[in-house]
Amino acid sequence: MTASEVFVAPARPGRSPCPGVPAAGSSSSTAAMGPRRSAASSRGRLLLPLLLLGVSGFFQSYAVEVDIKDASNATCLYANWMMRFLITYESNNGDYKTTTLNLSSSVTHNGSVCGNDTQAAVVAVQFGEGHSWSINITKTNETYQGDFITLTYNTNDTAVFPDAKRKGPVTVLMKDPAHPVQLNTVFVCHNSLVIEEKNTTQIFWNVTLQAFVQNGTVSKKETRCPADTPTSAPTVPPTIANVTTASTTTLSPAPTTVPKPVENPDTGNYSLKSGNKTCFLATVGLQLNVSQDKPLLININPKTTVADGACGNTTATLKLNDGNSTLIGFTFAIKNTSASVQKFYLREVNVTLLNHLNGSVISSADNNNLSKWDAFLGSSYMCRKEQTLQINENVQVHTFNLWIQPFLVEANKFATAEECIADSDLNFLIPIAVGVALGFLIILVFIFYIIGRRKSRTGYQSV
């Protein structure tokens, strides 16, 4: 392979830098030439950062373009995409926090290679303070397919992990879930793709990729991801499933002022495994109450929700992903109530709403100072009544028909449940109401009996 230039350059608005490849988005910037390299022939571009405005502030993300050349200076691998990472880490005080890792304005792609019939193609990028990401792509006689994805994040980056307990690089390896793509075909996915593994969530959008490019020309033939399959007119803005919008004259109304949907959310059953053993059980109906320009009420659909997370001896996390548009994380911990008694409790909830079309964050909120749903270790917690978790001033989580056990699950079954006060009140009220009704009935019978006795005595005196 011959040497070539690696540089940062603008992409023309609305146009792709390669013929036949759709643009990742409109952008412009000033060009800056980088150093010459004697490694594999390649070219890298970084497009103008996109500022994505959410409720909690600005989210900055960059589009990266990699064009790998072979020895004859012909394109052999082309990739253009945007991505963001949500990472849960342990802080110095033992709490678990979720942070967002974005691509920086300076990206290199050392280690990217063309691949061949016996060697995998690799797209590799390095960014920020010691972070890197790569994907291996394998080839058959007719198709190419992503094999595995490697993410390495460095908790020494104090801007992203300001109080991480564990210091240094952390590597997460995961299988690429995408289906095979025919050779001489471009894979395109404008909608967001979400991959969850361990404590990380990887979000990709505006993806254009072709490996094992033939004759140095990126193909004009496309294969679209399932998320891009049109279900409505493409000009319609993205919507979140089961959203009810309420009109109001207030700019940012309190969540409690929003009228409820006619129907409560469906109840879903979720579980986690550690090896072959179930370690976490949850049954719950979930509804989000989000205040933006207009309030949103979002029912989580169990049929489109995927559960992920991790079990531990002292902490456990359940992550729910509803259709790559709503991410909710529940973190439980154990506390000592006495020298010999332990309880579990809900310590943290994270909520992230994504734009289904481009992966941008609509709203992100977390509360890591909760103390809810506590029960003795070895038991489960149940609350059939509606409960409200206040995440921040803009986001609430409503739960229905809750039954959860994050620790010490045996035989894939819930242990004996400790019920919430609301359910306990209901259990007490039912027998009280029945007792009052029976007492009232007995009094009525007694009154009619006395009246009947008096009438009988009057009749005897007449005779």
Protein backbone atom coordinates (compact mmCIF):
# COMPACT_ATOMS: atom_id res chain seq x y z
CA MET A 1 0.00 0.00 0.00
CA THR A 2 1.11 3.53 -0.68
CA ALA A 3 1.20 6.53 1.61
CA SER A 4 -1.53 9.13 1.51
CA GLU A 5 -2.87 12.05 3.53
CA VAL A 6 -5.05 11.90 6.61
CA PHE A 7 -6.95 15.13 7.09
CA VAL A 8 -9.95 16.86 8.54
CA ALA A 9 -12.13 18.48 5.91
CA PRO A 10 -15.65 19.76 5.35
CA ALA A 11 -18.40 17.89 3.54
CA ARG A 12 -20.51 19.87 1.10
CA PRO A 13 -24.04 20.48 2.34
CA GLY A 14 -26.49 17.74 1.37
CA ARG A 15 -23.97 15.89 -0.81
CA SER A 16 -21.89 12.80 -0.35
CA PRO A 17 -18.11 12.99 -0.87
CA CYS A 18 -18.27 9.68 -2.75
CA PRO A 19 -20.34 9.11 -5.89
CA GLY A 20 -23.42 7.03 -5.25
CA VAL A 21 -23.18 7.36 -1.46
CA PRO A 22 -25.95 9.32 0.27
CA ALA A 23 -24.90 12.24 2.43
CA ALA A 24 -24.83 11.84 6.18
CA GLY A 25 -26.15 15.37 6.62
CA SER A 26 -25.65 18.97 5.64
CA SER A 27 -22.59 20.62 7.12
CA SER A 28 -19.71 22.95 6.47
CA SER A 29 -16.44 23.86 8.18
CA THR A 30 -12.92 25.01 7.50
CA ALA A 31 -10.38 22.44 6.30
CA ALA A 32 -7.24 21.55 8.22
CA MET A 33 -4.56 19.31 6.74
CA GLY A 34 -3.05 16.59 8.93
CA PRO A 35 0.38 14.94 8.80
CA ARG A 36 1.43 12.50 6.12
CA ARG A 37 1.63 8.87 7.15
CA SER A 38 3.56 5.88 5.89
CA ALA A 39 0.97 3.37 7.07
CA ALA A 40 -1.93 1.91 5.06
CA SER A 41 -3.29 4.25 2.43
CA SER A 42 -6.35 5.93 3.87
CA ARG A 43 -8.26 9.15 4.15
CA GLY A 44 -10.31 10.42 7.05
CA ARG A 45 -12.78 13.27 7.30
CA LEU A 46 -14.59 14.78 10.23
CA LEU A 47 -17.76 16.66 9.48
CA LEU A 48 -19.05 19.74 11.27
CA PRO A 49 -20.33 19.01 14.80
CA LEU A 50 -24.07 18.88 15.17
CA LEU A 51 -25.52 20.60 18.21
CA LEU A 52 -28.48 18.57 19.38
CA LEU A 53 -30.66 20.46 21.81
CA GLY A 54 -32.39 18.44 24.52
CA VAL A 55 -34.18 19.35 27.71
CA SER A 56 -31.04 19.02 29.78
CA GLY A 57 -28.81 21.01 27.42
CA PHE A 58 -26.70 20.71 24.28
CA PHE A 59 -25.34 17.39 23.05
CA GLN A 60 -22.44 17.67 20.66
CA SER A 61 -21.73 14.93 18.15
CA TYR A 62 -19.52 14.58 15.09
CA ALA A 63 -19.90 12.58 11.89
CA VAL A 64 -16.79 10.66 10.89
CA GLU A 65 -15.85 9.48 7.40
CA VAL A 66 -13.22 6.85 6.65
CA ASP A 67 -12.09 5.98 3.12
CA ILE A 68 -9.50 3.19 3.08
CA LYS A 69 -7.30 2.82 -0.03
CA ASP A 70 -5.48 -0.24 -1.31
CA ALA A 71 -1.97 -0.43 -2.85
CA SER A 72 -3.26 0.97 -6.16
CA ASN A 73 -4.85 3.95 -4.35
CA ALA A 74 -8.34 2.63 -5.04
CA THR A 75 -11.06 2.69 -2.38
CA CYS A 76 -11.47 -0.71 -0.75
CA LEU A 77 -13.58 0.24 2.28
CA TYR A 78 -15.81 3.24 2.82
CA ALA A 79 -17.64 4.26 6.02
CA ASN A 80 -19.50 7.37 7.10
CA TRP A 81 -21.50 7.43 10.34
CA MET A 82 -22.35 9.12 13.61
CA MET A 83 -22.27 7.49 17.05
CA ARG A 84 -22.59 8.17 20.76
CA PHE A 85 -22.08 6.03 23.86
CA LEU A 86 -23.94 5.90 27.18
CA ILE A 87 -21.72 4.34 29.86
CA THR A 88 -22.60 3.41 33.43
CA TYR A 89 -19.63 3.49 35.83
CA GLU A 90 -19.00 3.25 39.57
CA SER A 91 -18.03 6.49 41.30
CA ASN A 92 -15.66 6.93 44.22
CA ASN A 93 -18.47 6.90 46.76
CA GLY A 94 -19.90 3.63 45.42
CA ASP A 95 -22.77 5.12 43.43
CA TYR A 96 -23.35 4.21 39.80
CA LYS A 97 -23.62 7.05 37.31
CA THR A 98 -24.38 7.19 33.58
CA THR A 99 -22.33 9.47 31.36
CA THR A 100 -22.35 10.31 27.66
CA LEU A 101 -19.24 9.77 25.54
CA ASN A 102 -19.21 11.58 22.18
CA LEU A 103 -16.74 11.62 19.33
CA SER A 104 -14.33 14.51 19.66
CA SER A 105 -13.29 16.97 16.96
CA SER A 106 -10.06 15.04 16.40
CA VAL A 107 -10.36 11.44 15.22
CA THR A 108 -7.72 9.09 13.85
CA HIS A 109 -8.24 5.70 12.27
CA ASN A 110 -5.04 3.77 12.86
CA GLY A 111 -5.52 0.05 12.32
CA SER A 112 -8.18 0.32 9.61
CA VAL A 113 -7.52 -2.24 6.87
CA CYS A 114 -9.14 -3.32 3.60
CA GLY A 115 -9.38 -7.06 4.29
CA ASN A 116 -9.57 -9.89 1.78
CA ASP A 117 -10.90 -13.42 1.40
CA THR A 118 -8.92 -14.65 4.41
CA GLN A 119 -8.50 -11.49 6.50
CA ALA A 120 -11.29 -9.41 8.03
CA ALA A 121 -11.70 -5.78 7.07
CA VAL A 122 -11.42 -3.39 10.01
CA VAL A 123 -12.76 0.09 10.62
CA ALA A 124 -10.99 1.52 13.67
CA VAL A 125 -11.15 5.02 15.14
CA GLN A 126 -9.41 6.67 18.09
CA PHE A 127 -10.74 9.82 19.74
CA GLY A 128 -10.64 11.92 22.87
CA GLU A 129 -8.49 11.01 25.86
CA GLY A 130 -7.64 7.40 25.05
CA HIS A 131 -10.99 6.17 23.69
CA SER A 132 -11.29 3.89 20.66
CA TRP A 133 -13.88 1.93 18.68
CA SER A 134 -13.57 -0.68 15.93
CA ILE A 135 -15.59 -3.19 13.95
CA ASN A 136 -14.32 -6.33 12.20
CA ILE A 137 -16.09 -7.20 8.95
CA THR A 138 -15.87 -10.67 7.43
CA LYS A 139 -16.56 -11.82 3.88
CA THR A 140 -18.10 -14.85 2.17
CA ASN A 141 -18.43 -15.57 -1.56
CA GLU A 142 -21.61 -13.48 -1.73
CA THR A 143 -21.89 -11.28 1.37
CA TYR A 144 -20.05 -9.26 3.99
CA GLN A 145 -21.10 -8.86 7.61
CA GLY A 146 -19.98 -7.18 10.81
CA ASP A 147 -18.40 -9.78 13.08
CA PHE A 148 -17.67 -8.10 16.41
CA ILE A 149 -17.46 -4.56 17.77
CA THR A 150 -14.87 -3.41 20.29
CA LEU A 151 -15.29 -0.30 22.44
CA THR A 152 -12.49 0.87 24.73
CA TYR A 153 -13.19 3.83 27.00
CA ASN A 154 -10.67 5.39 29.34
CA THR A 155 -11.95 6.36 32.79
CA ASN A 156 -8.87 8.55 33.25
CA ASP A 157 -10.72 11.06 31.07
CA THR A 158 -11.97 13.25 33.91
CA ALA A 159 -14.14 15.34 31.60
CA VAL A 160 -16.32 12.27 30.94
CA PHE A 161 -15.66 10.25 34.12
CA PRO A 162 -14.96 12.94 36.77
CA ASP A 163 -15.15 10.62 39.78
CA ALA A 164 -14.63 7.09 38.45
CA LYS A 165 -13.52 4.60 41.07
CA ARG A 166 -11.81 2.36 38.52
CA LYS A 167 -9.09 4.12 36.57
CA GLY A 168 -7.73 3.20 33.15
CA PRO A 169 -8.99 1.64 29.89
CA VAL A 170 -12.09 -0.59 29.95
CA THR A 171 -12.79 -2.77 26.89
CA VAL A 172 -16.24 -4.07 25.95
CA LEU A 173 -16.58 -6.68 23.18
CA MET A 174 -19.92 -7.43 21.54
CA LYS A 175 -21.36 -9.21 18.51
CA ASP A 176 -22.62 -7.07 15.65
CA PRO A 177 -26.37 -7.84 15.33
CA ALA A 178 -26.67 -6.58 11.72
CA HIS A 179 -27.62 -9.02 8.96
CA PRO A 180 -25.28 -9.93 6.06
CA VAL A 181 -25.09 -7.50 3.13
CA GLN A 182 -24.58 -8.54 -0.48
CA LEU A 183 -21.18 -7.75 -1.95
CA ASN A 184 -21.04 -4.64 -4.14
CA THR A 185 -23.87 -3.17 -2.06
CA VAL A 186 -23.83 -0.23 0.34
CA PHE A 187 -25.36 -0.66 3.80
CA VAL A 188 -27.34 2.45 4.76
CA CYS A 189 -29.16 3.21 8.01
CA HIS A 190 -30.31 6.76 8.75
CA ASN A 191 -32.43 5.76 11.75
CA SER A 192 -30.80 5.00 15.07
CA LEU A 193 -29.30 1.59 15.84
CA VAL A 194 -28.83 0.77 19.53
CA ILE A 195 -26.56 -1.98 20.84
CA GLU A 196 -26.38 -2.70 24.57
CA GLU A 197 -23.70 -4.75 26.26
CA LYS A 198 -22.78 -4.85 29.96
CA ASN A 199 -22.77 -1.24 31.20
CA THR A 200 -22.66 0.41 27.77
CA THR A 201 -25.22 1.54 25.21
CA GLN A 202 -23.91 2.30 21.71
CA ILE A 203 -26.06 4.50 19.46
CA PHE A 204 -25.40 4.78 15.71
CA TRP A 205 -27.21 6.77 13.02
CA ASN A 206 -26.69 8.15 9.51
CA VAL A 207 -24.62 5.07 8.75
CA THR A 208 -23.21 4.43 5.25
CA LEU A 209 -20.83 1.49 4.90
CA GLN A 210 -19.39 -0.67 2.15
CA ALA A 211 -16.65 -3.18 2.80
CA PHE A 212 -14.66 -5.03 0.13
CA VAL A 213 -15.39 -2.33 -2.47
CA GLN A 214 -14.94 -3.65 -6.02
CA ASN A 215 -12.94 -1.78 -8.66
CA GLY A 216 -12.39 1.16 -6.30
CA THR A 217 -15.93 2.51 -6.83
CA VAL A 218 -18.51 2.71 -4.05
CA SER A 219 -21.68 1.02 -5.27
CA LYS A 220 -24.91 2.86 -5.98
CA LYS A 221 -26.94 -0.17 -4.88
CA GLU A 222 -28.21 0.11 -1.31
CA THR A 223 -29.38 -2.23 1.45
CA ARG A 224 -31.41 -0.48 4.12
CA CYS A 225 -31.61 -1.43 7.79
CA PRO A 226 -35.03 -2.54 9.13
CA ALA A 227 -35.39 0.76 11.01
CA ASP A 228 -35.32 2.63 7.68
CA THR A 229 -38.21 0.60 6.27
CA PRO A 230 -40.88 3.24 5.61
CA THR A 231 -44.08 2.83 7.58
CA SER A 232 -45.34 6.33 6.77
CA ALA A 233 -44.49 9.26 4.56
CA PRO A 234 -40.79 10.11 4.98
CA THR A 235 -41.53 13.79 5.52
CA VAL A 236 -43.51 13.11 8.70
CA PRO A 237 -41.44 13.97 11.81
CA PRO A 238 -40.50 11.03 14.01
CA THR A 239 -42.96 10.11 16.73
CA ILE A 240 -42.63 8.06 19.87
CA ALA A 241 -45.05 5.16 20.23
CA ASN A 242 -48.00 5.65 22.56
CA VAL A 243 -47.48 9.42 23.02
CA THR A 244 -50.31 11.66 24.12
CA THR A 245 -49.76 15.40 23.64
CA ALA A 246 -51.62 17.86 25.82
CA SER A 247 -51.92 21.52 24.87
CA THR A 248 -51.14 24.16 27.48
CA THR A 249 -50.40 27.87 27.72
CA THR A 250 -47.49 27.31 30.12
CA LEU A 251 -44.00 26.99 28.61
CA SER A 252 -42.76 24.25 30.98
CA PRO A 253 -45.68 22.83 32.95
CA ALA A 254 -45.11 20.60 35.93
CA PRO A 255 -45.48 16.92 35.02
CA THR A 256 -48.29 16.46 37.53
CA THR A 257 -50.55 18.85 35.59
CA VAL A 258 -50.64 16.63 32.50
CA PRO A 259 -53.87 14.65 31.97
CA LYS A 260 -53.40 10.90 31.98
CA PRO A 261 -53.95 8.74 28.91
CA VAL A 262 -57.22 6.85 28.80
CA GLU A 263 -55.42 3.53 29.24
CA ASN A 264 -52.68 2.55 31.64
CA PRO A 265 -49.56 0.95 30.13
CA ASP A 266 -49.43 -2.77 29.50
CA THR A 267 -47.59 -4.82 32.10
CA GLY A 268 -44.33 -6.40 30.92
CA ASN A 269 -42.32 -9.31 32.31
CA TYR A 270 -38.54 -8.87 32.31
CA SER A 271 -35.66 -10.98 33.59
CA LEU A 272 -31.86 -11.15 33.60
CA LYS A 273 -29.59 -14.17 33.71
CA SER A 274 -26.15 -14.77 35.14
CA GLY A 275 -24.92 -17.73 33.14
CA ASN A 276 -27.87 -20.12 32.97
CA LYS A 277 -29.45 -18.91 36.21
CA THR A 278 -32.09 -16.19 36.47
CA CYS A 279 -30.80 -13.47 38.78
CA PHE A 280 -33.33 -10.62 38.32
CA LEU A 281 -37.12 -10.67 37.92
CA ALA A 282 -39.40 -7.73 37.19
CA THR A 283 -43.05 -7.33 36.29
CA VAL A 284 -44.17 -3.75 35.73
CA GLY A 285 -46.15 -1.36 33.57
CA LEU A 286 -44.20 1.83 32.83
CA GLN A 287 -45.27 5.29 31.78
CA LEU A 288 -43.08 8.38 31.31
CA ASN A 289 -44.23 11.92 31.92
CA VAL A 290 -41.87 14.35 30.15
CA SER A 291 -42.19 18.13 30.07
CA GLN A 292 -40.74 19.81 26.97
CA ASP A 293 -42.26 22.52 24.79
CA LYS A 294 -45.34 20.34 25.15
CA PRO A 295 -45.73 17.60 27.76
CA LEU A 296 -45.41 14.00 26.57
CA LEU A 297 -47.00 10.96 28.11
CA ILE A 298 -45.27 7.80 26.90
CA ASN A 299 -46.45 4.27 27.60
CA ILE A 300 -43.63 1.72 27.39
CA ASN A 301 -44.67 -1.16 25.14
CA PRO A 302 -43.49 -4.52 26.53
CA LYS A 303 -43.77 -6.13 23.08
CA THR A 304 -41.06 -3.85 21.67
CA THR A 305 -38.95 -3.56 24.83
CA VAL A 306 -35.70 -5.48 25.31
CA ALA A 307 -34.24 -6.07 28.77
CA ASP A 308 -30.52 -5.95 29.53
CA GLY A 309 -28.38 -5.19 32.54
CA ALA A 310 -26.18 -6.81 35.15
CA CYS A 311 -26.57 -8.71 38.42
CA GLY A 312 -24.16 -8.32 41.31
CA ASN A 313 -23.73 -9.11 44.98
CA THR A 314 -24.38 -5.57 46.17
CA THR A 315 -25.83 -3.80 43.09
CA ALA A 316 -28.04 -4.83 40.19
CA THR A 317 -29.13 -2.87 37.12
CA LEU A 318 -32.07 -3.45 34.78
CA LYS A 319 -31.95 -1.59 31.44
CA LEU A 320 -35.05 -1.42 29.26
CA ASN A 321 -34.87 -0.37 25.60
CA ASP A 322 -38.21 0.33 23.95
CA GLY A 323 -37.74 0.35 20.19
CA ASN A 324 -34.46 2.32 20.23
CA SER A 325 -36.39 5.42 21.29
CA THR A 326 -36.73 5.12 25.06
CA LEU A 327 -34.02 3.86 27.42
CA ILE A 328 -34.76 3.38 31.14
CA GLY A 329 -32.28 2.07 33.68
CA PHE A 330 -33.07 0.98 37.26
CA THR A 331 -30.18 0.45 39.69
CA PHE A 332 -30.74 -1.38 42.98
CA ALA A 333 -28.40 -1.58 45.96
CA ILE A 334 -28.23 -3.29 49.36
CA LYS A 335 -28.22 -1.50 52.71
CA ASN A 336 -27.67 -2.74 56.26
CA THR A 337 -30.57 -1.88 58.54
CA SER A 338 -28.90 -3.60 61.49
CA ALA A 339 -25.95 -5.85 62.21
CA SER A 340 -27.74 -8.90 60.84
CA VAL A 341 -30.53 -7.49 58.64
CA GLN A 342 -30.13 -6.32 55.05
CA LYS A 343 -32.58 -4.75 52.65
CA PHE A 344 -32.49 -3.93 48.95
CA TYR A 345 -33.80 -0.66 47.56
CA LEU A 346 -34.07 1.33 44.31
CA ARG A 347 -31.15 3.77 44.30
CA GLU A 348 -31.01 5.24 40.80
CA VAL A 349 -33.14 5.70 37.69
CA ASN A 350 -31.84 6.92 34.30
CA VAL A 351 -34.14 7.96 31.45
CA THR A 352 -33.02 8.79 27.91
CA LEU A 353 -35.33 9.63 25.01
CA LEU A 354 -33.82 9.31 21.54
CA ASN A 355 -34.86 10.70 18.19
CA HIS A 356 -35.65 7.50 16.31
CA LEU A 357 -34.49 8.96 12.99
CA ASN A 358 -31.06 10.31 13.89
CA GLY A 359 -30.16 9.01 17.34
CA SER A 360 -30.02 12.45 18.90
CA VAL A 361 -30.96 12.81 22.56
CA ILE A 362 -34.36 14.46 23.02
CA SER A 363 -34.23 14.33 26.79
CA SER A 364 -31.90 12.80 29.36
CA ALA A 365 -32.48 12.66 33.11
CA ASP A 366 -31.21 10.71 36.09
CA ASN A 367 -31.73 10.59 39.83
CA ASN A 368 -29.05 8.71 41.77
CA ASN A 369 -30.29 9.61 45.23
CA LEU A 370 -33.47 7.56 45.51
CA SER A 371 -34.53 5.30 48.37
CA LYS A 372 -37.62 3.51 47.09
CA TRP A 373 -39.03 -0.01 46.84
CA ASP A 374 -37.14 -1.40 49.82
CA ALA A 375 -37.66 -4.96 51.05
CA PHE A 376 -35.75 -7.54 53.03
CA LEU A 377 -33.00 -9.28 51.10
CA GLY A 378 -34.28 -12.62 49.84
CA SER A 379 -37.83 -11.36 49.40
CA SER A 380 -39.51 -9.42 46.58
CA TYR A 381 -41.26 -6.06 46.47
CA MET A 382 -44.82 -5.62 45.19
CA CYS A 383 -47.03 -2.60 44.58
CA ARG A 384 -50.12 -2.94 42.41
CA LYS A 385 -51.08 0.70 42.92
CA GLU A 386 -49.64 3.44 40.70
CA GLN A 387 -46.40 4.94 42.02
CA THR A 388 -44.47 8.00 40.82
CA LEU A 389 -40.69 8.38 40.70
CA GLN A 390 -39.51 11.98 40.33
CA ILE A 391 -36.35 11.86 38.19
CA ASN A 392 -35.91 15.61 37.81
CA GLU A 393 -38.11 18.66 37.35
CA ASN A 394 -38.97 17.58 33.79
CA VAL A 395 -39.26 13.80 33.97
CA GLN A 396 -41.38 11.41 36.01
CA VAL A 397 -41.70 7.62 35.81
CA HIS A 398 -45.07 6.08 36.72
CA THR A 399 -45.19 2.38 37.62
CA PHE A 400 -48.20 0.03 37.65
CA ASN A 401 -48.60 -3.55 38.89
CA LEU A 402 -45.01 -3.60 40.09
CA TRP A 403 -43.42 -6.84 41.32
CA ILE A 404 -39.64 -6.90 41.42
CA GLN A 405 -36.77 -8.93 42.87
CA PRO A 406 -33.22 -7.82 41.98
CA PHE A 407 -31.30 -10.22 44.25
CA LEU A 408 -31.29 -13.88 45.36
CA VAL A 409 -33.80 -15.22 42.83
CA GLU A 410 -34.39 -18.94 43.29
CA ALA A 411 -35.89 -21.41 40.78
CA ASN A 412 -36.90 -18.59 38.39
CA LYS A 413 -39.67 -17.54 40.78
CA PHE A 414 -40.45 -14.50 42.89
CA ALA A 415 -39.92 -14.92 46.61
CA THR A 416 -42.55 -13.90 49.16
CA ALA A 417 -43.50 -10.29 48.48
CA GLU A 418 -43.44 -7.31 50.80
CA GLU A 419 -46.28 -5.06 49.74
CA CYS A 420 -46.23 -1.28 49.54
CA ILE A 421 -48.23 0.82 51.99
CA ALA A 422 -50.84 1.66 49.33
CA ASP A 423 -51.55 -2.03 48.75
CA SER A 424 -51.51 -2.72 52.48
CA ASP A 425 -54.10 0.01 53.05
CA LEU A 426 -56.24 -1.61 50.37
CA ASN A 427 -55.90 -5.01 52.03
CA PHE A 428 -56.95 -3.54 55.36
CA LEU A 429 -59.83 -1.56 53.90
CA ILE A 430 -61.47 -4.53 52.19
CA PRO A 431 -62.12 -6.58 55.38
CA ILE A 432 -63.08 -3.42 57.26
CA ALA A 433 -65.62 -2.55 54.59
CA VAL A 434 -66.98 -6.10 54.62
CA GLY A 435 -67.18 -6.03 58.42
CA VAL A 436 -69.01 -2.70 58.43
CA ALA A 437 -71.48 -4.00 55.84
CA LEU A 438 -72.14 -7.16 57.84
CA GLY A 439 -72.53 -5.15 61.03
CA PHE A 440 -75.01 -2.82 59.34
CA LEU A 441 -76.95 -5.85 58.05
CA ILE A 442 -77.08 -7.38 61.54
CA ILE A 443 -78.39 -4.12 62.97
CA LEU A 444 -81.11 -3.98 60.31
CA VAL A 445 -82.14 -7.57 61.08
CA PHE A 446 -82.26 -6.79 64.78
CA ILE A 447 -84.40 -3.66 64.21
CA PHE A 448 -86.89 -5.60 62.05
CA TYR A 449 -86.98 -8.32 64.70
CA ILE A 450 -87.89 -5.82 67.45
CA ILE A 451 -90.58 -4.24 65.26
CA GLY A 452 -92.03 -7.66 64.52
CA ARG A 453 -92.13 -8.59 68.21
CA ARG A 454 -94.00 -5.43 69.11
CA LYS A 455 -96.66 -6.04 66.46
CA SER A 456 -97.17 -9.58 67.74
CA ARG A 457 -97.76 -8.38 71.33
CA THR A 458 -100.29 -5.74 70.18
CA GLY A 459 -102.32 -8.40 68.34
CA TYR A 460 -102.63 -10.63 71.47
CA GLN A 461 -103.89 -7.76 73.63
CA SER A 462 -106.72 -7.01 71.11
CA VAL A 463 -108.02 -10.55 71.36
